Amino acid sequence: MNITAKIPDALYQQVEALAKRENISIEQLVTIALSAQVSAWMTKDYIEEKAERGSWDKFQQVLKKVHDVEPEPDDRL
């Protein structure tokens, strides 16, 4: 499928330079970038849907079951 889009010259120049630097075509770079952004939007939507089904009260109940202990030495900040 082909898509035609108008983008600012400055953005095109950045895309062109990045594609050259990464030794890939502009088409490949745009496909990768678009795929990454669509994935991020879909992940955001998925998390929001999960959050709507969640319950803060149930979360607090589960946390109350966790023992209050110091973390292992390797887990400390």
N, C-alpha and C. Protein backbone atom coordinates (compact mmCIF):
# COMPACT_ATOMS: atom_id res chain seq x y z
N MET A 1 0.84 -1.18 0.00
CA MET A 1 0.00 0.00 0.00
C MET A 1 0.89 1.24 0.00
N ASN A 2 0.49 2.22 -0.71
CA ASN A 2 1.23 3.48 -0.77
C ASN A 2 0.45 4.56 -0.05
N ILE A 3 1.19 5.41 0.64
CA ILE A 3 0.61 6.56 1.33
C ILE A 3 1.39 7.80 0.89
N THR A 4 0.67 8.83 0.57
CA THR A 4 1.30 10.10 0.24
C THR A 4 0.99 11.07 1.37
N ALA A 5 2.03 11.69 1.89
CA ALA A 5 1.83 12.63 3.00
C ALA A 5 2.71 13.84 2.80
N LYS A 6 2.19 14.99 3.16
CA LYS A 6 2.98 16.21 3.10
C LYS A 6 3.57 16.44 4.49
N ILE A 7 4.88 16.61 4.53
CA ILE A 7 5.54 16.88 5.80
C ILE A 7 6.44 18.10 5.63
N PRO A 8 6.73 18.78 6.71
CA PRO A 8 7.61 19.95 6.61
C PRO A 8 8.99 19.57 6.08
N ASP A 9 9.59 20.48 5.35
CA ASP A 9 10.92 20.24 4.78
C ASP A 9 11.94 19.88 5.86
N ALA A 10 11.87 20.56 6.99
CA ALA A 10 12.83 20.30 8.07
C ALA A 10 12.71 18.86 8.57
N LEU A 11 11.50 18.36 8.69
CA LEU A 11 11.30 16.98 9.13
C LEU A 11 11.82 16.01 8.08
N TYR A 12 11.54 16.29 6.82
CA TYR A 12 12.04 15.43 5.75
C TYR A 12 13.57 15.37 5.77
N GLN A 13 14.19 16.50 5.97
CA GLN A 13 15.66 16.52 6.02
C GLN A 13 16.19 15.67 7.18
N GLN A 14 15.50 15.73 8.31
CA GLN A 14 15.91 14.90 9.46
C GLN A 14 15.74 13.42 9.14
N VAL A 15 14.61 13.08 8.53
CA VAL A 15 14.34 11.69 8.15
C VAL A 15 15.39 11.21 7.15
N GLU A 16 15.66 12.03 6.18
CA GLU A 16 16.64 11.67 5.15
C GLU A 16 18.02 11.44 5.77
N ALA A 17 18.43 12.33 6.65
CA ALA A 17 19.75 12.21 7.29
C ALA A 17 19.81 10.96 8.18
N LEU A 18 18.74 10.71 8.92
CA LEU A 18 18.72 9.54 9.81
C LEU A 18 18.73 8.24 9.01
N ALA A 19 17.97 8.20 7.94
CA ALA A 19 17.96 7.01 7.08
C ALA A 19 19.35 6.75 6.50
N LYS A 20 20.00 7.81 6.08
CA LYS A 20 21.35 7.66 5.53
C LYS A 20 22.30 7.17 6.61
N ARG A 21 22.22 7.75 7.79
CA ARG A 21 23.08 7.36 8.90
C ARG A 21 22.88 5.89 9.28
N GLU A 22 21.62 5.43 9.26
CA GLU A 22 21.29 4.06 9.63
C GLU A 22 21.42 3.09 8.47
N ASN A 23 21.76 3.62 7.30
CA ASN A 23 21.95 2.83 6.09
C ASN A 23 20.68 2.05 5.73
N ILE A 24 19.54 2.74 5.81
CA ILE A 24 18.25 2.17 5.40
C ILE A 24 17.55 3.18 4.51
N SER A 25 16.53 2.71 3.81
CA SER A 25 15.79 3.63 2.94
C SER A 25 14.87 4.51 3.78
N ILE A 26 14.48 5.62 3.20
CA ILE A 26 13.52 6.50 3.86
C ILE A 26 12.22 5.74 4.11
N GLU A 27 11.82 4.93 3.15
CA GLU A 27 10.59 4.13 3.31
C GLU A 27 10.70 3.20 4.53
N GLN A 28 11.85 2.55 4.69
CA GLN A 28 12.04 1.67 5.85
C GLN A 28 11.98 2.46 7.15
N LEU A 29 12.64 3.60 7.17
CA LEU A 29 12.66 4.42 8.38
C LEU A 29 11.25 4.88 8.75
N VAL A 30 10.49 5.35 7.77
CA VAL A 30 9.13 5.82 8.02
C VAL A 30 8.26 4.66 8.50
N THR A 31 8.43 3.48 7.91
CA THR A 31 7.66 2.31 8.33
C THR A 31 7.99 1.94 9.78
N ILE A 32 9.27 1.95 10.12
CA ILE A 32 9.68 1.64 11.50
C ILE A 32 9.11 2.67 12.48
N ALA A 33 9.24 3.94 12.13
CA ALA A 33 8.77 5.00 13.02
C ALA A 33 7.26 4.95 13.20
N LEU A 34 6.54 4.74 12.11
CA LEU A 34 5.08 4.66 12.18
C LEU A 34 4.65 3.44 12.99
N SER A 35 5.31 2.33 12.78
CA SER A 35 5.00 1.12 13.53
C SER A 35 5.22 1.32 15.02
N ALA A 36 6.32 1.95 15.38
CA ALA A 36 6.61 2.20 16.79
C ALA A 36 5.57 3.11 17.42
N GLN A 37 5.16 4.14 16.70
CA GLN A 37 4.18 5.08 17.26
C GLN A 37 2.81 4.43 17.39
N VAL A 38 2.39 3.67 16.38
CA VAL A 38 1.10 2.98 16.44
C VAL A 38 1.10 2.00 17.62
N SER A 39 2.20 1.29 17.78
CA SER A 39 2.33 0.35 18.89
C SER A 39 2.22 1.07 20.23
N ALA A 40 2.85 2.22 20.36
CA ALA A 40 2.77 3.00 21.60
C ALA A 40 1.34 3.44 21.88
N TRP A 41 0.64 3.91 20.85
CA TRP A 41 -0.76 4.33 21.04
C TRP A 41 -1.63 3.15 21.45
N MET A 42 -1.41 1.99 20.81
CA MET A 42 -2.22 0.82 21.13
C MET A 42 -1.93 0.34 22.55
N THR A 43 -0.68 0.40 22.96
CA THR A 43 -0.32 0.01 24.32
C THR A 43 -0.98 0.95 25.33
N LYS A 44 -0.96 2.23 25.04
CA LYS A 44 -1.61 3.21 25.92
C LYS A 44 -3.09 2.90 26.05
N ASP A 45 -3.74 2.63 24.92
CA ASP A 45 -5.17 2.29 24.94
C ASP A 45 -5.42 1.03 25.75
N TYR A 46 -4.55 0.01 25.59
CA TYR A 46 -4.69 -1.24 26.31
C TYR A 46 -4.57 -1.02 27.82
N ILE A 47 -3.58 -0.23 28.22
CA ILE A 47 -3.37 0.04 29.64
C ILE A 47 -4.55 0.82 30.21
N GLU A 48 -5.05 1.78 29.45
CA GLU A 48 -6.20 2.56 29.93
C GLU A 48 -7.43 1.66 30.09
N GLU A 49 -7.64 0.74 29.15
CA GLU A 49 -8.77 -0.19 29.27
C GLU A 49 -8.63 -1.07 30.49
N LYS A 50 -7.42 -1.58 30.75
CA LYS A 50 -7.16 -2.40 31.93
C LYS A 50 -7.39 -1.59 33.20
N ALA A 51 -6.95 -0.34 33.20
CA ALA A 51 -7.10 0.50 34.38
C ALA A 51 -8.57 0.76 34.69
N GLU A 52 -9.39 0.90 33.65
CA GLU A 52 -10.82 1.13 33.87
C GLU A 52 -11.49 -0.07 34.56
N ARG A 53 -10.97 -1.27 34.29
CA ARG A 53 -11.54 -2.47 34.90
C ARG A 53 -10.97 -2.72 36.28
N GLY A 54 -9.88 -2.03 36.62
CA GLY A 54 -9.22 -2.25 37.90
C GLY A 54 -9.97 -1.60 39.05
N SER A 55 -9.58 -1.97 40.24
CA SER A 55 -10.20 -1.43 41.45
C SER A 55 -9.10 -1.02 42.42
N TRP A 56 -9.11 0.24 42.80
CA TRP A 56 -8.13 0.75 43.75
C TRP A 56 -8.30 0.04 45.09
N ASP A 57 -9.53 -0.20 45.50
CA ASP A 57 -9.78 -0.89 46.79
C ASP A 57 -9.21 -2.30 46.77
N LYS A 58 -9.41 -3.04 45.68
CA LYS A 58 -8.85 -4.39 45.59
C LYS A 58 -7.33 -4.35 45.60
N PHE A 59 -6.76 -3.37 44.93
CA PHE A 59 -5.31 -3.21 44.92
C PHE A 59 -4.79 -2.99 46.33
N GLN A 60 -5.46 -2.13 47.08
CA GLN A 60 -5.05 -1.86 48.46
C GLN A 60 -5.17 -3.11 49.33
N GLN A 61 -6.21 -3.91 49.11
CA GLN A 61 -6.39 -5.16 49.86
C GLN A 61 -5.23 -6.12 49.60
N VAL A 62 -4.82 -6.21 48.36
CA VAL A 62 -3.69 -7.08 48.02
C VAL A 62 -2.41 -6.57 48.65
N LEU A 63 -2.19 -5.27 48.62
CA LEU A 63 -0.98 -4.70 49.23
C LEU A 63 -0.92 -4.97 50.73
N LYS A 64 -2.05 -5.00 51.38
CA LYS A 64 -2.08 -5.26 52.82
C LYS A 64 -1.57 -6.66 53.15
N LYS A 65 -1.63 -7.57 52.19
CA LYS A 65 -1.18 -8.94 52.41
C LYS A 65 0.35 -9.07 52.31
N VAL A 66 1.00 -8.05 51.78
CA VAL A 66 2.45 -8.09 51.59
C VAL A 66 3.12 -7.75 52.91
N HIS A 67 4.06 -8.60 53.31
CA HIS A 67 4.79 -8.38 54.56
C HIS A 67 5.69 -7.15 54.43
N ASP A 68 5.77 -6.38 55.49
CA ASP A 68 6.60 -5.18 55.52
C ASP A 68 8.00 -5.57 55.97
N VAL A 69 8.86 -5.87 55.01
CA VAL A 69 10.24 -6.28 55.30
C VAL A 69 11.19 -5.43 54.48
N GLU A 70 12.41 -5.35 54.96
CA GLU A 70 13.45 -4.63 54.24
C GLU A 70 13.81 -5.40 52.98
N PRO A 71 14.15 -4.71 51.90
CA PRO A 71 14.54 -5.41 50.67
C PRO A 71 15.91 -6.07 50.84
N GLU A 72 16.15 -7.06 50.00
CA GLU A 72 17.45 -7.72 49.98
C GLU A 72 18.51 -6.67 49.62
N PRO A 73 19.74 -6.86 50.04
CA PRO A 73 20.79 -5.87 49.76
C PRO A 73 20.92 -5.53 48.27
N ASP A 74 20.77 -6.53 47.39
CA ASP A 74 20.89 -6.28 45.95
C ASP A 74 19.70 -5.51 45.38
N ASP A 75 18.60 -5.45 46.12
CA ASP A 75 17.41 -4.76 45.63
C ASP A 75 17.29 -3.34 46.15
N ARG A 76 18.21 -2.91 46.96
CA ARG A 76 18.14 -1.56 47.53
C ARG A 76 18.65 -0.52 46.54
N LEU A 77 18.08 0.65 46.65
CA LEU A 77 18.52 1.75 45.77
C LEU A 77 19.75 2.41 46.34
